[in-house]
Amino acid sequence: MPSVTLHAATDRAHGSASSRRLRHAGSIPAVIYGEGVEPLPVAVNAKDFRTAVSGDQGLNSLITLDADGTTYTVLAREIQRHPVRGTVSHIDFQVVDPDQPVVAEVPLHLIGDAVEVRHADWEVDQQMFSIEVRSRPSQIPNFIEVDISELVVGSAIRVGDLKLPKGVEAAGDPSVSVVATHAGRAAKPVAATDAPAE
């Protein structure tokens, strides 16, 4: 995964008044942090930041942050937004080692058709829409597909059932349900089909 370069100014003043002035001028106050790195307050151009995370990787985009001549390889982590406008008001940039695993949140996309579930008038219930994975920054997938084709009434797909790309592993509890099934209003009885043959 190629990184994008983003310039960061290191001369921003502290305080809420200064942060408001920065935002009014089209910049976003931020901080660079990470193992072995002293927290460094910076500011980045809002438009440039939106461009940097507008690709398929979104907020998992690997960014080369040029802080007035010193470069850091970072991921955008904690993103604070204005409660009304939804604009980004603060960013935490985490310094990462491209060769070491990190934990990232990746969206889940359902694919396929749960024919047996649908024919029984049951419903597919997506209970998780994203999952935390652990991988090297360059291997973070854009999304993970969840194939529901083999679902039957009463069954579920759990975190441990997901087919993850090579080099990627789930960071959460493998027993947590990602997709479940439940009876719809017109659900057909399934007891007879569930009973063992004599």
N, C-alpha and C. Protein backbone atom coordinates (compact mmCIF):
# COMPACT_ATOMS: atom_id res chain seq x y z
N MET A 1 0.84 -1.19 0.00
CA MET A 1 0.00 0.00 0.00
C MET A 1 0.88 1.24 0.00
N PRO A 2 0.84 2.06 -1.05
CA PRO A 2 1.66 3.27 -1.07
C PRO A 2 1.17 4.28 -0.05
N SER A 3 2.10 5.09 0.45
CA SER A 3 1.71 6.12 1.41
C SER A 3 1.53 7.45 0.68
N VAL A 4 0.76 8.32 1.30
CA VAL A 4 0.59 9.67 0.78
C VAL A 4 1.33 10.63 1.70
N THR A 5 1.82 11.72 1.15
CA THR A 5 2.57 12.68 1.93
C THR A 5 1.69 13.86 2.33
N LEU A 6 1.78 14.23 3.58
CA LEU A 6 0.98 15.33 4.13
C LEU A 6 1.90 16.23 4.93
N HIS A 7 1.81 17.52 4.70
CA HIS A 7 2.65 18.46 5.45
C HIS A 7 1.97 18.83 6.76
N ALA A 8 2.77 18.93 7.82
CA ALA A 8 2.27 19.32 9.13
C ALA A 8 3.12 20.47 9.68
N ALA A 9 2.46 21.51 10.11
CA ALA A 9 3.16 22.65 10.72
C ALA A 9 3.34 22.40 12.21
N THR A 10 4.52 22.67 12.72
CA THR A 10 4.82 22.39 14.13
C THR A 10 4.78 23.62 15.00
N ASP A 11 4.38 24.76 14.44
CA ASP A 11 4.46 26.01 15.20
C ASP A 11 3.09 26.46 15.75
N ARG A 12 2.15 25.53 15.83
CA ARG A 12 0.82 25.96 16.30
C ARG A 12 0.83 26.20 17.80
N ALA A 13 0.09 27.22 18.21
CA ALA A 13 -0.03 27.55 19.62
C ALA A 13 -1.04 26.65 20.29
N HIS A 14 -0.92 26.51 21.61
CA HIS A 14 -1.85 25.68 22.37
C HIS A 14 -3.09 26.50 22.72
N GLY A 15 -4.13 25.79 23.15
CA GLY A 15 -5.33 26.48 23.64
C GLY A 15 -6.49 26.40 22.66
N SER A 16 -7.70 26.49 23.21
CA SER A 16 -8.90 26.38 22.38
C SER A 16 -9.06 27.56 21.43
N ALA A 17 -8.65 28.75 21.86
CA ALA A 17 -8.77 29.92 20.99
C ALA A 17 -7.88 29.77 19.76
N SER A 18 -6.67 29.27 19.97
CA SER A 18 -5.76 29.04 18.85
C SER A 18 -6.31 27.96 17.92
N SER A 19 -6.90 26.91 18.50
CA SER A 19 -7.47 25.84 17.69
C SER A 19 -8.62 26.36 16.84
N ARG A 20 -9.44 27.24 17.40
CA ARG A 20 -10.55 27.82 16.63
C ARG A 20 -10.03 28.64 15.46
N ARG A 21 -8.96 29.40 15.70
CA ARG A 21 -8.38 30.21 14.62
C ARG A 21 -7.83 29.31 13.51
N LEU A 22 -7.19 28.21 13.92
CA LEU A 22 -6.66 27.28 12.93
C LEU A 22 -7.79 26.71 12.06
N ARG A 23 -8.86 26.28 12.70
CA ARG A 23 -9.98 25.69 11.94
C ARG A 23 -10.61 26.73 11.02
N HIS A 24 -10.73 27.96 11.50
CA HIS A 24 -11.31 29.03 10.69
C HIS A 24 -10.44 29.29 9.45
N ALA A 25 -9.12 29.06 9.61
CA ALA A 25 -8.18 29.30 8.51
C ALA A 25 -8.04 28.07 7.61
N GLY A 26 -8.80 27.01 7.88
CA GLY A 26 -8.76 25.84 7.01
C GLY A 26 -7.77 24.77 7.43
N SER A 27 -7.32 24.82 8.69
CA SER A 27 -6.39 23.81 9.18
C SER A 27 -7.03 23.01 10.31
N ILE A 28 -6.43 21.88 10.62
CA ILE A 28 -6.93 21.02 11.70
C ILE A 28 -5.82 20.83 12.72
N PRO A 29 -6.07 21.17 14.00
CA PRO A 29 -5.08 20.86 15.03
C PRO A 29 -4.95 19.35 15.20
N ALA A 30 -3.73 18.90 15.45
CA ALA A 30 -3.48 17.47 15.56
C ALA A 30 -2.30 17.24 16.50
N VAL A 31 -2.06 15.97 16.81
CA VAL A 31 -0.90 15.61 17.61
C VAL A 31 -0.30 14.33 17.03
N ILE A 32 1.02 14.27 17.02
CA ILE A 32 1.75 13.07 16.60
C ILE A 32 2.21 12.36 17.86
N TYR A 33 1.93 11.05 17.95
CA TYR A 33 2.36 10.31 19.12
C TYR A 33 2.75 8.90 18.69
N GLY A 34 3.40 8.18 19.58
CA GLY A 34 3.78 6.81 19.28
C GLY A 34 4.88 6.35 20.20
N GLU A 35 5.18 5.06 20.13
CA GLU A 35 6.22 4.50 20.98
C GLU A 35 7.56 5.15 20.68
N GLY A 36 8.18 5.68 21.71
CA GLY A 36 9.48 6.32 21.55
C GLY A 36 9.43 7.71 20.96
N VAL A 37 8.20 8.27 20.82
CA VAL A 37 8.03 9.60 20.23
C VAL A 37 7.33 10.50 21.23
N GLU A 38 7.95 11.63 21.53
CA GLU A 38 7.29 12.61 22.40
C GLU A 38 6.09 13.20 21.67
N PRO A 39 4.93 13.31 22.33
CA PRO A 39 3.76 13.92 21.67
C PRO A 39 4.11 15.28 21.08
N LEU A 40 3.78 15.45 19.79
CA LEU A 40 4.15 16.68 19.09
C LEU A 40 2.89 17.33 18.52
N PRO A 41 2.50 18.52 19.06
CA PRO A 41 1.33 19.22 18.50
C PRO A 41 1.67 19.76 17.12
N VAL A 42 0.76 19.54 16.16
CA VAL A 42 0.95 20.02 14.80
C VAL A 42 -0.38 20.51 14.26
N ALA A 43 -0.36 21.01 13.04
CA ALA A 43 -1.59 21.39 12.33
C ALA A 43 -1.43 20.94 10.88
N VAL A 44 -2.52 20.42 10.30
CA VAL A 44 -2.51 20.00 8.90
C VAL A 44 -3.63 20.71 8.15
N ASN A 45 -3.43 20.91 6.87
CA ASN A 45 -4.45 21.52 6.05
C ASN A 45 -5.65 20.59 5.92
N ALA A 46 -6.85 21.10 6.18
CA ALA A 46 -8.05 20.27 6.19
C ALA A 46 -8.31 19.63 4.83
N LYS A 47 -8.16 20.42 3.77
CA LYS A 47 -8.41 19.89 2.42
C LYS A 47 -7.40 18.81 2.07
N ASP A 48 -6.13 19.04 2.41
CA ASP A 48 -5.10 18.05 2.11
C ASP A 48 -5.34 16.76 2.88
N PHE A 49 -5.81 16.88 4.13
CA PHE A 49 -6.08 15.68 4.92
C PHE A 49 -7.23 14.88 4.30
N ARG A 50 -8.29 15.58 3.88
CA ARG A 50 -9.41 14.87 3.25
C ARG A 50 -8.94 14.13 2.00
N THR A 51 -8.05 14.77 1.23
CA THR A 51 -7.51 14.11 0.04
C THR A 51 -6.69 12.88 0.42
N ALA A 52 -5.91 13.00 1.49
CA ALA A 52 -5.03 11.91 1.91
C ALA A 52 -5.80 10.66 2.33
N VAL A 53 -7.02 10.83 2.86
CA VAL A 53 -7.78 9.68 3.35
C VAL A 53 -9.00 9.40 2.47
N SER A 54 -8.98 9.93 1.24
CA SER A 54 -10.12 9.76 0.34
C SER A 54 -10.02 8.51 -0.52
N GLY A 55 -8.91 7.79 -0.44
CA GLY A 55 -8.75 6.59 -1.25
C GLY A 55 -9.50 5.40 -0.67
N ASP A 56 -9.27 4.23 -1.25
CA ASP A 56 -9.96 3.02 -0.81
C ASP A 56 -9.65 2.66 0.64
N GLN A 57 -8.45 3.02 1.11
CA GLN A 57 -8.06 2.67 2.48
C GLN A 57 -8.73 3.56 3.52
N GLY A 58 -9.24 4.71 3.11
CA GLY A 58 -9.90 5.61 4.06
C GLY A 58 -8.97 6.02 5.18
N LEU A 59 -9.46 5.93 6.42
CA LEU A 59 -8.65 6.33 7.57
C LEU A 59 -7.52 5.36 7.86
N ASN A 60 -7.48 4.23 7.17
CA ASN A 60 -6.35 3.30 7.32
C ASN A 60 -5.24 3.59 6.31
N SER A 61 -5.34 4.71 5.61
CA SER A 61 -4.30 5.09 4.65
C SER A 61 -2.99 5.36 5.38
N LEU A 62 -1.91 4.82 4.85
CA LEU A 62 -0.59 5.07 5.41
C LEU A 62 -0.13 6.45 4.94
N ILE A 63 0.24 7.30 5.90
CA ILE A 63 0.57 8.69 5.60
C ILE A 63 2.01 8.97 6.00
N THR A 64 2.75 9.60 5.09
CA THR A 64 4.07 10.13 5.43
C THR A 64 3.86 11.58 5.83
N LEU A 65 4.02 11.85 7.11
CA LEU A 65 3.76 13.19 7.65
C LEU A 65 5.07 13.96 7.71
N ASP A 66 5.15 15.03 6.94
CA ASP A 66 6.34 15.89 6.93
C ASP A 66 6.12 17.04 7.90
N ALA A 67 6.71 16.90 9.08
CA ALA A 67 6.54 17.91 10.13
C ALA A 67 7.72 18.86 10.09
N ASP A 68 7.64 19.83 9.20
CA ASP A 68 8.69 20.83 9.04
C ASP A 68 10.07 20.20 8.90
N GLY A 69 10.16 19.21 8.01
CA GLY A 69 11.46 18.60 7.72
C GLY A 69 11.69 17.25 8.36
N THR A 70 10.96 16.94 9.42
CA THR A 70 11.06 15.62 10.05
C THR A 70 9.88 14.77 9.59
N THR A 71 10.16 13.58 9.06
CA THR A 71 9.09 12.76 8.52
C THR A 71 8.70 11.63 9.48
N TYR A 72 7.43 11.35 9.53
CA TYR A 72 6.89 10.27 10.35
C TYR A 72 5.94 9.45 9.49
N THR A 73 6.01 8.13 9.64
CA THR A 73 5.02 7.26 9.00
C THR A 73 3.90 7.04 10.00
N VAL A 74 2.69 7.47 9.63
CA VAL A 74 1.60 7.50 10.61
C VAL A 74 0.30 6.95 10.02
N LEU A 75 -0.61 6.63 10.93
CA LEU A 75 -2.00 6.36 10.61
C LEU A 75 -2.85 7.36 11.39
N ALA A 76 -3.93 7.84 10.79
CA ALA A 76 -4.85 8.72 11.49
C ALA A 76 -5.70 7.88 12.43
N ARG A 77 -5.63 8.16 13.70
CA ARG A 77 -6.34 7.34 14.68
C ARG A 77 -7.57 8.06 15.21
N GLU A 78 -7.48 8.63 16.40
CA GLU A 78 -8.65 9.29 16.99
C GLU A 78 -9.02 10.53 16.16
N ILE A 79 -10.22 10.50 15.62
CA ILE A 79 -10.72 11.63 14.82
C ILE A 79 -11.87 12.27 15.57
N GLN A 80 -11.71 13.51 15.99
CA GLN A 80 -12.79 14.24 16.65
C GLN A 80 -13.50 15.11 15.62
N ARG A 81 -14.83 15.14 15.70
CA ARG A 81 -15.63 15.90 14.74
C ARG A 81 -16.52 16.91 15.45
N HIS A 82 -16.85 17.97 14.74
CA HIS A 82 -17.78 18.97 15.26
C HIS A 82 -19.14 18.29 15.44
N PRO A 83 -19.79 18.48 16.60
CA PRO A 83 -21.04 17.76 16.88
C PRO A 83 -22.18 18.11 15.94
N VAL A 84 -22.14 19.27 15.30
CA VAL A 84 -23.23 19.69 14.41
C VAL A 84 -22.82 19.59 12.95
N ARG A 85 -21.70 20.21 12.60
CA ARG A 85 -21.27 20.24 11.19
C ARG A 85 -20.64 18.94 10.73
N GLY A 86 -20.09 18.17 11.67
CA GLY A 86 -19.45 16.92 11.29
C GLY A 86 -18.05 17.07 10.74
N THR A 87 -17.53 18.29 10.72
CA THR A 87 -16.18 18.50 10.21
C THR A 87 -15.15 18.02 11.23
N VAL A 88 -13.98 17.63 10.73
CA VAL A 88 -12.92 17.13 11.61
C VAL A 88 -12.35 18.30 12.42
N SER A 89 -12.33 18.13 13.74
CA SER A 89 -11.84 19.21 14.61
C SER A 89 -10.50 18.89 15.26
N HIS A 90 -10.10 17.61 15.27
CA HIS A 90 -8.80 17.24 15.84
C HIS A 90 -8.45 15.83 15.38
N ILE A 91 -7.15 15.59 15.19
CA ILE A 91 -6.67 14.29 14.74
C ILE A 91 -5.51 13.84 15.62
N ASP A 92 -5.51 12.56 15.98
CA ASP A 92 -4.34 11.94 16.60
C ASP A 92 -3.66 11.09 15.53
N PHE A 93 -2.41 11.42 15.21
CA PHE A 93 -1.62 10.64 14.26
C PHE A 93 -0.72 9.69 15.03
N GLN A 94 -0.88 8.39 14.81
CA GLN A 94 -0.05 7.41 15.48
C GLN A 94 1.13 7.01 14.60
N VAL A 95 2.33 7.16 15.14
CA VAL A 95 3.53 6.73 14.42
C VAL A 95 3.57 5.20 14.40
N VAL A 96 3.77 4.62 13.21
CA VAL A 96 3.80 3.16 13.08
C VAL A 96 5.06 2.74 12.36
N ASP A 97 5.44 1.48 12.60
CA ASP A 97 6.54 0.84 11.87
C ASP A 97 5.91 0.04 10.74
N PRO A 98 6.21 0.36 9.48
CA PRO A 98 5.59 -0.37 8.36
C PRO A 98 5.80 -1.87 8.41
N ASP A 99 6.82 -2.33 9.15
CA ASP A 99 7.12 -3.76 9.20
C ASP A 99 6.53 -4.45 10.43
N GLN A 100 5.83 -3.69 11.28
CA GLN A 100 5.27 -4.27 12.50
C GLN A 100 3.74 -4.22 12.45
N PRO A 101 3.06 -5.24 13.02
CA PRO A 101 1.59 -5.27 12.98
C PRO A 101 0.97 -4.12 13.78
N VAL A 102 -0.16 -3.65 13.30
CA VAL A 102 -0.97 -2.67 14.00
C VAL A 102 -2.40 -3.18 14.01
N VAL A 103 -3.22 -2.60 14.88
CA VAL A 103 -4.64 -2.95 14.92
C VAL A 103 -5.41 -1.86 14.19
N ALA A 104 -6.28 -2.28 13.28
CA ALA A 104 -7.07 -1.33 12.49
C ALA A 104 -8.50 -1.83 12.37
N GLU A 105 -9.43 -0.89 12.19
CA GLU A 105 -10.83 -1.25 12.02
C GLU A 105 -11.16 -1.27 10.53
N VAL A 106 -11.76 -2.37 10.07
CA VAL A 106 -12.03 -2.59 8.66
C VAL A 106 -13.51 -2.89 8.47
N PRO A 107 -14.16 -2.28 7.47
CA PRO A 107 -15.59 -2.56 7.25
C PRO A 107 -15.84 -3.98 6.74
N LEU A 108 -17.05 -4.48 7.04
CA LEU A 108 -17.48 -5.80 6.59
C LEU A 108 -18.54 -5.63 5.50
N HIS A 109 -18.39 -6.36 4.40
CA HIS A 109 -19.35 -6.32 3.30
C HIS A 109 -19.99 -7.70 3.13
N LEU A 110 -21.31 -7.78 3.24
CA LEU A 110 -22.00 -9.04 3.02
C LEU A 110 -22.10 -9.32 1.53
N ILE A 111 -21.84 -10.58 1.15
CA ILE A 111 -22.01 -11.00 -0.25
C ILE A 111 -22.79 -12.31 -0.25
N GLY A 112 -23.36 -12.65 -1.40
CA GLY A 112 -24.10 -13.89 -1.54
C GLY A 112 -25.56 -13.74 -1.16
N ASP A 113 -26.28 -14.85 -1.29
CA ASP A 113 -27.71 -14.88 -1.01
C ASP A 113 -28.01 -16.06 -0.11
N ALA A 114 -28.53 -15.80 1.08
CA ALA A 114 -28.88 -16.86 2.02
C ALA A 114 -30.22 -17.46 1.60
N VAL A 115 -30.17 -18.32 0.59
CA VAL A 115 -31.39 -18.84 -0.04
C VAL A 115 -32.26 -19.60 0.95
N GLU A 116 -31.66 -20.51 1.73
CA GLU A 116 -32.46 -21.31 2.68
C GLU A 116 -33.12 -20.43 3.72
N VAL A 117 -32.41 -19.42 4.18
CA VAL A 117 -32.98 -18.51 5.17
C VAL A 117 -34.15 -17.75 4.56
N ARG A 118 -33.96 -17.27 3.35
CA ARG A 118 -35.01 -16.50 2.69
C ARG A 118 -36.24 -17.34 2.39
N HIS A 119 -36.03 -18.57 1.95
CA HIS A 119 -37.16 -19.44 1.62
C HIS A 119 -37.98 -19.82 2.85
N ALA A 120 -37.36 -19.82 4.01
CA ALA A 120 -38.07 -20.11 5.25
C ALA A 120 -38.70 -18.85 5.86
N ASP A 121 -38.59 -17.75 5.11
CA ASP A 121 -39.09 -16.45 5.60
C ASP A 121 -38.41 -16.02 6.90
N TRP A 122 -37.16 -16.46 7.06
CA TRP A 122 -36.34 -15.94 8.14
C TRP A 122 -35.55 -14.75 7.60
N GLU A 123 -34.84 -14.08 8.48
CA GLU A 123 -34.11 -12.88 8.10
C GLU A 123 -32.65 -12.96 8.52
N VAL A 124 -31.80 -12.35 7.70
CA VAL A 124 -30.38 -12.25 8.02
C VAL A 124 -30.15 -10.96 8.80
N ASP A 125 -29.49 -11.08 9.92
CA ASP A 125 -29.27 -9.93 10.81
C ASP A 125 -27.77 -9.66 10.91
N GLN A 126 -27.31 -8.60 10.25
CA GLN A 126 -25.89 -8.23 10.35
C GLN A 126 -25.67 -7.51 11.67
N GLN A 127 -24.90 -8.11 12.55
CA GLN A 127 -24.69 -7.59 13.89
C GLN A 127 -23.40 -6.80 14.04
N MET A 128 -22.47 -6.99 13.13
CA MET A 128 -21.23 -6.22 13.12
C MET A 128 -21.03 -5.64 11.73
N PHE A 129 -20.66 -4.38 11.65
CA PHE A 129 -20.45 -3.74 10.36
C PHE A 129 -18.97 -3.43 10.11
N SER A 130 -18.15 -3.67 11.12
CA SER A 130 -16.70 -3.53 10.97
C SER A 130 -16.05 -4.46 11.98
N ILE A 131 -14.77 -4.72 11.77
CA ILE A 131 -14.04 -5.62 12.65
C ILE A 131 -12.62 -5.10 12.84
N GLU A 132 -12.07 -5.31 14.02
CA GLU A 132 -10.68 -4.96 14.26
C GLU A 132 -9.79 -6.11 13.82
N VAL A 133 -8.78 -5.78 13.02
CA VAL A 133 -7.83 -6.78 12.56
C VAL A 133 -6.42 -6.34 12.93
N ARG A 134 -5.52 -7.32 12.93
CA ARG A 134 -4.12 -7.04 13.20
C ARG A 134 -3.30 -7.45 11.98
N SER A 135 -2.53 -6.51 11.44
CA SER A 135 -1.68 -6.80 10.29
C SER A 135 -0.66 -5.69 10.14
N ARG A 136 0.28 -5.89 9.24
CA ARG A 136 1.19 -4.80 8.91
C ARG A 136 0.38 -3.70 8.20
N PRO A 137 0.77 -2.45 8.36
CA PRO A 137 0.00 -1.36 7.74
C PRO A 137 -0.25 -1.55 6.25
N SER A 138 0.73 -2.08 5.54
CA SER A 138 0.58 -2.25 4.09
C SER A 138 -0.38 -3.37 3.73
N GLN A 139 -0.76 -4.21 4.71
CA GLN A 139 -1.64 -5.35 4.44
C GLN A 139 -3.06 -5.15 4.96
N ILE A 140 -3.35 -3.98 5.50
CA ILE A 140 -4.70 -3.73 6.00
C ILE A 140 -5.66 -3.77 4.81
N PRO A 141 -6.65 -4.67 4.82
CA PRO A 141 -7.57 -4.74 3.68
C PRO A 141 -8.52 -3.55 3.65
N ASN A 142 -9.00 -3.21 2.44
CA ASN A 142 -9.98 -2.13 2.32
C ASN A 142 -11.30 -2.52 2.99
N PHE A 143 -11.65 -3.80 2.86
CA PHE A 143 -12.85 -4.34 3.49
C PHE A 143 -12.71 -5.86 3.53
N ILE A 144 -13.60 -6.50 4.28
CA ILE A 144 -13.61 -7.95 4.37
C ILE A 144 -14.98 -8.44 3.93
N GLU A 145 -15.01 -9.40 3.01
CA GLU A 145 -16.27 -9.94 2.53
C GLU A 145 -16.75 -11.06 3.45
N VAL A 146 -18.05 -11.05 3.71
CA VAL A 146 -18.68 -12.08 4.53
C VAL A 146 -19.72 -12.79 3.65
N ASP A 147 -19.43 -14.01 3.26
CA ASP A 147 -20.31 -14.76 2.36
C ASP A 147 -21.43 -15.42 3.17
N ILE A 148 -22.67 -15.03 2.90
CA ILE A 148 -23.81 -15.56 3.66
C ILE A 148 -24.53 -16.68 2.90
N SER A 149 -23.97 -17.15 1.80
CA SER A 149 -24.64 -18.13 0.94
C SER A 149 -24.98 -19.43 1.68
N GLU A 150 -24.12 -19.83 2.60
CA GLU A 150 -24.30 -21.13 3.27
C GLU A 150 -25.12 -21.03 4.55
N LEU A 151 -25.62 -19.86 4.87
CA LEU A 151 -26.41 -19.72 6.09
C LEU A 151 -27.70 -20.54 5.99
N VAL A 152 -28.07 -21.15 7.13
CA VAL A 152 -29.37 -21.83 7.24
C VAL A 152 -30.08 -21.25 8.44
N VAL A 153 -31.36 -21.56 8.56
CA VAL A 153 -32.14 -20.98 9.66
C VAL A 153 -31.51 -21.37 11.00
N GLY A 154 -31.39 -20.38 11.88
CA GLY A 154 -30.83 -20.61 13.20
C GLY A 154 -29.32 -20.58 13.28
N SER A 155 -28.65 -20.43 12.12
CA SER A 155 -27.19 -20.44 12.14
C SER A 155 -26.64 -19.02 12.22
N ALA A 156 -25.32 -18.94 12.37
CA ALA A 156 -24.66 -17.64 12.49
C ALA A 156 -23.26 -17.73 11.91
N ILE A 157 -22.69 -16.60 11.59
CA ILE A 157 -21.29 -16.48 11.19
C ILE A 157 -20.58 -15.69 12.27
N ARG A 158 -19.53 -16.26 12.82
CA ARG A 158 -18.81 -15.61 13.91
C ARG A 158 -17.46 -15.07 13.42
N VAL A 159 -16.85 -14.26 14.25
CA VAL A 159 -15.57 -13.65 13.88
C VAL A 159 -14.57 -14.73 13.47
N GLY A 160 -14.55 -15.84 14.20
CA GLY A 160 -13.61 -16.92 13.90
C GLY A 160 -13.89 -17.62 12.59
N ASP A 161 -15.08 -17.42 12.02
CA ASP A 161 -15.44 -18.06 10.75
C ASP A 161 -15.00 -17.24 9.54
N LEU A 162 -14.63 -15.99 9.73
CA LEU A 162 -14.32 -15.11 8.62
C LEU A 162 -13.07 -15.57 7.88
N LYS A 163 -13.11 -15.45 6.57
CA LYS A 163 -11.94 -15.76 5.74
C LYS A 163 -11.16 -14.47 5.54
N LEU A 164 -10.02 -14.40 6.20
CA LEU A 164 -9.20 -13.18 6.18
C LEU A 164 -8.03 -13.34 5.21
N PRO A 165 -7.58 -12.24 4.62
CA PRO A 165 -6.43 -12.31 3.71
C PRO A 165 -5.17 -12.79 4.45
N LYS A 166 -4.22 -13.29 3.68
CA LYS A 166 -2.95 -13.73 4.25
C LYS A 166 -2.28 -12.56 4.98
N GLY A 167 -1.78 -12.85 6.17
CA GLY A 167 -1.10 -11.81 6.95
C GLY A 167 -2.03 -10.98 7.80
N VAL A 168 -3.33 -11.30 7.78
CA VAL A 168 -4.32 -10.55 8.55
C VAL A 168 -5.01 -11.49 9.52
N GLU A 169 -5.14 -11.08 10.78
CA GLU A 169 -5.85 -11.90 11.76
C GLU A 169 -6.82 -11.03 12.54
N ALA A 170 -7.88 -11.62 13.02
CA ALA A 170 -8.87 -10.88 13.81
C ALA A 170 -8.28 -10.53 15.16
N ALA A 171 -8.55 -9.30 15.61
CA ALA A 171 -8.00 -8.85 16.89
C ALA A 171 -8.99 -9.05 18.03
N GLY A 172 -10.25 -9.39 17.70
CA GLY A 172 -11.27 -9.51 18.73
C GLY A 172 -11.60 -10.94 19.09
N ASP A 173 -12.67 -11.10 19.86
CA ASP A 173 -13.14 -12.39 20.33
C ASP A 173 -13.67 -13.20 19.14
N PRO A 174 -13.11 -14.38 18.85
CA PRO A 174 -13.56 -15.15 17.69
C PRO A 174 -14.98 -15.70 17.82
N SER A 175 -15.54 -15.70 19.03
CA SER A 175 -16.88 -16.25 19.22
C SER A 175 -17.99 -15.23 19.02
N VAL A 176 -17.64 -13.97 18.81
CA VAL A 176 -18.65 -12.93 18.64
C VAL A 176 -19.35 -13.10 17.29
N SER A 177 -20.66 -12.95 17.30
CA SER A 177 -21.46 -13.15 16.09
C SER A 177 -21.39 -11.93 15.17
N VAL A 178 -21.06 -12.19 13.91
CA VAL A 178 -21.03 -11.14 12.89
C VAL A 178 -22.38 -11.06 12.18
N VAL A 179 -22.90 -12.21 11.81
CA VAL A 179 -24.20 -12.32 11.15
C VAL A 179 -25.00 -13.43 11.82
N ALA A 180 -26.25 -13.16 12.13
CA ALA A 180 -27.13 -14.16 12.71
C ALA A 180 -28.41 -14.25 11.88
N THR A 181 -29.25 -15.20 12.21
CA THR A 181 -30.55 -15.33 11.55
C THR A 181 -31.64 -15.33 12.60
N HIS A 182 -32.77 -14.79 12.25
CA HIS A 182 -33.91 -14.84 13.17
C HIS A 182 -35.21 -14.95 12.37
N ALA A 183 -36.23 -15.45 13.03
CA ALA A 183 -37.50 -15.69 12.37
C ALA A 183 -38.18 -14.38 12.00
N GLY A 184 -38.65 -14.31 10.76
CA GLY A 184 -39.44 -13.17 10.33
C GLY A 184 -40.89 -13.35 10.74
N ARG A 185 -41.74 -12.40 10.39
CA ARG A 185 -43.15 -12.46 10.79
C ARG A 185 -43.86 -13.65 10.16
N ALA A 186 -43.44 -14.01 8.96
CA ALA A 186 -44.11 -15.11 8.26
C ALA A 186 -43.24 -16.36 8.26
N ALA A 187 -42.36 -16.48 9.26
CA ALA A 187 -41.41 -17.60 9.27
C ALA A 187 -42.13 -18.93 9.33
N LYS A 188 -41.61 -19.88 8.56
CA LYS A 188 -42.17 -21.22 8.54
C LYS A 188 -41.58 -22.05 9.68
N PRO A 189 -42.33 -22.97 10.24
CA PRO A 189 -41.79 -23.80 11.32
C PRO A 189 -40.62 -24.64 10.81
N VAL A 190 -39.60 -24.76 11.64
CA VAL A 190 -38.40 -25.50 11.22
C VAL A 190 -38.14 -26.72 12.08
N ALA A 191 -39.00 -26.97 13.06
CA ALA A 191 -38.76 -28.07 13.99
C ALA A 191 -38.65 -29.40 13.25
N ALA A 192 -39.53 -29.60 12.24
CA ALA A 192 -39.55 -30.88 11.53
C ALA A 192 -38.25 -31.10 10.77
N THR A 193 -37.70 -30.04 10.19
CA THR A 193 -36.45 -30.18 9.42
C THR A 193 -35.26 -30.33 10.33
N ASP A 194 -35.38 -29.84 11.58
CA ASP A 194 -34.25 -29.92 12.51
C ASP A 194 -34.20 -31.26 13.21
N ALA A 195 -35.33 -32.01 13.23
CA ALA A 195 -35.37 -33.27 13.97
C ALA A 195 -34.52 -34.32 13.28
N PRO A 196 -33.77 -35.12 14.05
CA PRO A 196 -32.94 -36.16 13.44
C PRO A 196 -33.79 -37.27 12.85
N ALA A 197 -33.32 -37.84 11.75
CA ALA A 197 -34.05 -38.92 11.09
C ALA A 197 -34.02 -40.17 11.94
N GLU A 198 -35.15 -40.88 11.98
CA GLU A 198 -35.21 -42.11 12.77
C GLU A 198 -34.63 -43.28 11.97
